[in-house]
Amino acid sequence: MAPKYTTGQKVKIVPVKDQHLKYERIEPLVSKSGTIVDSYFILYQEPSGVKWLDLPGEYYFYTVHINNKEVKAIPEECLELCVD
């Protein structure tokens, strides 16, 4: 799975769609826009005995430049492409 966004793209912070997940650190940033500075992923490998969880194998996170500050570790699910 490839990252959804690339460096230089303008994105908007949106609320997480899965209401079971909460990113309290990101909530104050909802509706703000910024520019992708960097992206990285965390590879998840299911430990033996929990294959029934059906979790995705890769999670993408981004560093976003918002209001002259870098905000790190924004999950991909909290971003939306800005259309000017």
N, C-alpha and C. Protein backbone atom coordinates (compact mmCIF):
# COMPACT_ATOMS: atom_id res chain seq x y z
N MET A 1 0.84 -1.17 0.00
CA MET A 1 0.00 0.00 0.00
C MET A 1 0.89 1.24 0.00
N ALA A 2 0.63 2.14 -0.88
CA ALA A 2 1.42 3.38 -0.99
C ALA A 2 0.77 4.49 -0.18
N PRO A 3 1.56 5.50 0.21
CA PRO A 3 0.95 6.62 0.94
C PRO A 3 -0.04 7.36 0.05
N LYS A 4 -1.07 7.89 0.65
CA LYS A 4 -2.12 8.59 -0.08
C LYS A 4 -1.69 9.99 -0.49
N TYR A 5 -0.80 10.61 0.30
CA TYR A 5 -0.38 11.99 0.06
C TYR A 5 1.14 12.05 -0.14
N THR A 6 1.59 13.08 -0.86
CA THR A 6 3.02 13.24 -1.13
C THR A 6 3.50 14.59 -0.61
N THR A 7 4.80 14.69 -0.45
CA THR A 7 5.42 15.93 0.02
C THR A 7 5.01 17.09 -0.88
N GLY A 8 4.62 18.19 -0.25
CA GLY A 8 4.23 19.39 -0.98
C GLY A 8 2.73 19.54 -1.19
N GLN A 9 1.97 18.48 -1.00
CA GLN A 9 0.52 18.58 -1.18
C GLN A 9 -0.10 19.34 -0.02
N LYS A 10 -1.14 20.12 -0.33
CA LYS A 10 -1.87 20.86 0.70
C LYS A 10 -3.01 19.97 1.19
N VAL A 11 -3.09 19.83 2.51
CA VAL A 11 -4.10 18.96 3.12
C VAL A 11 -4.83 19.71 4.24
N LYS A 12 -5.98 19.15 4.59
CA LYS A 12 -6.80 19.69 5.68
C LYS A 12 -6.93 18.61 6.74
N ILE A 13 -6.87 18.99 8.00
CA ILE A 13 -7.06 18.05 9.10
C ILE A 13 -8.56 17.84 9.28
N VAL A 14 -8.97 16.58 9.33
CA VAL A 14 -10.39 16.24 9.48
C VAL A 14 -10.56 15.32 10.69
N PRO A 15 -11.78 15.26 11.25
CA PRO A 15 -12.00 14.35 12.38
C PRO A 15 -11.84 12.90 11.93
N VAL A 16 -11.40 12.06 12.83
CA VAL A 16 -11.24 10.65 12.51
C VAL A 16 -12.61 10.05 12.23
N LYS A 17 -12.69 9.19 11.22
CA LYS A 17 -13.97 8.60 10.82
C LYS A 17 -14.42 7.49 11.76
N ASP A 18 -13.46 6.73 12.29
CA ASP A 18 -13.77 5.63 13.21
C ASP A 18 -13.92 6.22 14.61
N GLN A 19 -15.13 6.29 15.10
CA GLN A 19 -15.40 6.92 16.39
C GLN A 19 -14.81 6.16 17.57
N HIS A 20 -14.31 4.94 17.34
CA HIS A 20 -13.66 4.19 18.41
C HIS A 20 -12.24 4.67 18.64
N LEU A 21 -11.69 5.36 17.63
CA LEU A 21 -10.34 5.90 17.76
C LEU A 21 -10.43 7.38 18.12
N LYS A 22 -9.60 7.81 19.01
CA LYS A 22 -9.57 9.23 19.38
C LYS A 22 -8.13 9.70 19.35
N TYR A 23 -7.93 10.84 18.74
CA TYR A 23 -6.60 11.46 18.70
C TYR A 23 -6.74 12.82 19.37
N GLU A 24 -6.73 12.84 20.69
CA GLU A 24 -6.96 14.08 21.43
C GLU A 24 -5.98 15.18 21.05
N ARG A 25 -4.76 14.80 20.73
CA ARG A 25 -3.73 15.77 20.35
C ARG A 25 -4.07 16.46 19.04
N ILE A 26 -4.83 15.79 18.19
CA ILE A 26 -5.14 16.31 16.85
C ILE A 26 -6.45 17.08 16.84
N GLU A 27 -7.35 16.81 17.76
CA GLU A 27 -8.66 17.48 17.78
C GLU A 27 -8.59 19.00 17.64
N PRO A 28 -7.67 19.70 18.32
CA PRO A 28 -7.61 21.17 18.17
C PRO A 28 -7.20 21.62 16.77
N LEU A 29 -6.65 20.70 15.97
CA LEU A 29 -6.18 21.05 14.63
C LEU A 29 -7.24 20.82 13.55
N VAL A 30 -8.36 20.19 13.90
CA VAL A 30 -9.40 19.89 12.92
C VAL A 30 -9.83 21.17 12.21
N SER A 31 -9.95 21.10 10.90
CA SER A 31 -10.33 22.19 9.99
C SER A 31 -9.16 23.08 9.58
N LYS A 32 -7.99 22.89 10.17
CA LYS A 32 -6.82 23.67 9.75
C LYS A 32 -6.19 23.00 8.55
N SER A 33 -5.52 23.79 7.73
CA SER A 33 -4.85 23.22 6.56
C SER A 33 -3.36 23.49 6.64
N GLY A 34 -2.61 22.68 5.92
CA GLY A 34 -1.17 22.80 5.91
C GLY A 34 -0.59 22.04 4.74
N THR A 35 0.73 21.93 4.72
CA THR A 35 1.44 21.28 3.63
C THR A 35 2.20 20.06 4.15
N ILE A 36 2.12 18.96 3.42
CA ILE A 36 2.85 17.74 3.78
C ILE A 36 4.34 18.01 3.66
N VAL A 37 5.08 17.73 4.73
CA VAL A 37 6.53 17.91 4.75
C VAL A 37 7.23 16.55 4.62
N ASP A 38 6.64 15.53 5.23
CA ASP A 38 7.27 14.21 5.24
C ASP A 38 6.19 13.16 5.47
N SER A 39 6.48 11.93 5.07
CA SER A 39 5.57 10.82 5.36
C SER A 39 6.39 9.62 5.77
N TYR A 40 5.80 8.77 6.57
CA TYR A 40 6.46 7.55 6.99
C TYR A 40 5.39 6.53 7.37
N PHE A 41 5.79 5.29 7.47
CA PHE A 41 4.80 4.27 7.82
C PHE A 41 5.32 3.39 8.93
N ILE A 42 4.37 2.77 9.59
CA ILE A 42 4.68 1.78 10.61
C ILE A 42 4.13 0.46 10.09
N LEU A 43 4.98 -0.52 9.99
CA LEU A 43 4.58 -1.84 9.52
C LEU A 43 4.12 -2.66 10.71
N TYR A 44 2.93 -3.18 10.61
CA TYR A 44 2.37 -3.99 11.70
C TYR A 44 2.40 -5.45 11.28
N GLN A 45 2.98 -6.28 12.10
CA GLN A 45 2.99 -7.72 11.85
C GLN A 45 2.17 -8.37 12.96
N GLU A 46 1.17 -9.14 12.56
CA GLU A 46 0.32 -9.80 13.56
C GLU A 46 1.12 -10.81 14.36
N PRO A 47 1.06 -10.72 15.68
CA PRO A 47 1.71 -11.76 16.48
C PRO A 47 0.95 -13.07 16.33
N SER A 48 1.62 -14.17 16.48
CA SER A 48 0.94 -15.46 16.33
C SER A 48 -0.19 -15.56 17.35
N GLY A 49 -1.29 -16.12 16.91
CA GLY A 49 -2.44 -16.31 17.78
C GLY A 49 -3.50 -15.23 17.69
N VAL A 50 -3.24 -14.14 16.96
CA VAL A 50 -4.25 -13.09 16.84
C VAL A 50 -4.55 -12.76 15.38
N LYS A 51 -4.45 -13.72 14.52
CA LYS A 51 -4.70 -13.49 13.10
C LYS A 51 -6.15 -13.09 12.82
N TRP A 52 -7.04 -13.35 13.73
CA TRP A 52 -8.45 -13.01 13.58
C TRP A 52 -8.72 -11.51 13.67
N LEU A 53 -7.74 -10.70 14.06
CA LEU A 53 -7.97 -9.27 14.23
C LEU A 53 -8.20 -8.53 12.92
N ASP A 54 -7.64 -9.00 11.82
CA ASP A 54 -7.81 -8.38 10.51
C ASP A 54 -7.41 -6.90 10.51
N LEU A 55 -6.19 -6.63 10.95
CA LEU A 55 -5.67 -5.26 10.96
C LEU A 55 -4.87 -5.00 9.70
N PRO A 56 -4.89 -3.76 9.19
CA PRO A 56 -4.06 -3.46 8.03
C PRO A 56 -2.59 -3.59 8.40
N GLY A 57 -1.75 -3.88 7.43
CA GLY A 57 -0.34 -4.10 7.70
C GLY A 57 0.50 -2.84 7.77
N GLU A 58 0.04 -1.76 7.18
CA GLU A 58 0.81 -0.52 7.17
C GLU A 58 -0.05 0.65 7.61
N TYR A 59 0.53 1.49 8.43
CA TYR A 59 -0.15 2.71 8.87
C TYR A 59 0.72 3.88 8.44
N TYR A 60 0.17 4.81 7.69
CA TYR A 60 0.92 5.98 7.24
C TYR A 60 0.64 7.17 8.14
N PHE A 61 1.72 7.89 8.44
CA PHE A 61 1.67 9.10 9.25
C PHE A 61 2.41 10.20 8.50
N TYR A 62 2.09 11.44 8.81
CA TYR A 62 2.66 12.57 8.08
C TYR A 62 3.11 13.66 9.03
N THR A 63 4.12 14.39 8.60
CA THR A 63 4.50 15.64 9.24
C THR A 63 3.90 16.73 8.37
N VAL A 64 3.10 17.60 8.98
CA VAL A 64 2.39 18.64 8.25
C VAL A 64 2.83 20.01 8.79
N HIS A 65 3.13 20.92 7.89
CA HIS A 65 3.51 22.29 8.26
C HIS A 65 2.23 23.11 8.34
N ILE A 66 1.86 23.53 9.57
CA ILE A 66 0.63 24.31 9.80
C ILE A 66 1.02 25.58 10.56
N ASN A 67 0.66 26.73 10.00
CA ASN A 67 0.91 28.02 10.68
C ASN A 67 2.36 28.16 11.14
N ASN A 68 3.30 27.91 10.25
CA ASN A 68 4.73 28.05 10.53
C ASN A 68 5.26 27.08 11.59
N LYS A 69 4.53 26.00 11.86
CA LYS A 69 4.99 24.97 12.79
C LYS A 69 4.85 23.61 12.14
N GLU A 70 5.77 22.70 12.47
CA GLU A 70 5.65 21.33 12.00
C GLU A 70 4.88 20.52 13.04
N VAL A 71 3.84 19.86 12.58
CA VAL A 71 3.06 18.98 13.44
C VAL A 71 3.34 17.57 12.97
N LYS A 72 3.89 16.74 13.85
CA LYS A 72 4.31 15.39 13.48
C LYS A 72 3.27 14.35 13.86
N ALA A 73 3.35 13.23 13.18
CA ALA A 73 2.53 12.04 13.46
C ALA A 73 1.03 12.27 13.29
N ILE A 74 0.66 12.88 12.16
CA ILE A 74 -0.75 13.01 11.82
C ILE A 74 -1.13 11.74 11.05
N PRO A 75 -2.08 10.95 11.55
CA PRO A 75 -2.47 9.73 10.84
C PRO A 75 -3.14 10.06 9.50
N GLU A 76 -2.91 9.19 8.52
CA GLU A 76 -3.48 9.40 7.19
C GLU A 76 -5.00 9.57 7.24
N GLU A 77 -5.65 8.85 8.12
CA GLU A 77 -7.11 8.91 8.21
C GLU A 77 -7.63 10.26 8.70
N CYS A 78 -6.74 11.11 9.20
CA CYS A 78 -7.13 12.44 9.68
C CYS A 78 -6.81 13.53 8.67
N LEU A 79 -6.49 13.15 7.44
CA LEU A 79 -6.14 14.12 6.41
C LEU A 79 -7.08 14.02 5.22
N GLU A 80 -7.24 15.15 4.56
CA GLU A 80 -8.07 15.23 3.35
C GLU A 80 -7.36 16.21 2.41
N LEU A 81 -7.31 15.90 1.14
CA LEU A 81 -6.66 16.76 0.16
C LEU A 81 -7.43 18.07 0.02
N CYS A 82 -6.73 19.20 0.06
CA CYS A 82 -7.35 20.51 -0.15
C CYS A 82 -7.51 20.73 -1.65
N VAL A 83 -8.67 21.16 -2.05
CA VAL A 83 -8.93 21.47 -3.44
C VAL A 83 -9.15 22.97 -3.53
N ASP A 84 -8.23 23.66 -4.20
CA ASP A 84 -8.33 25.12 -4.33
C ASP A 84 -9.17 25.51 -5.51
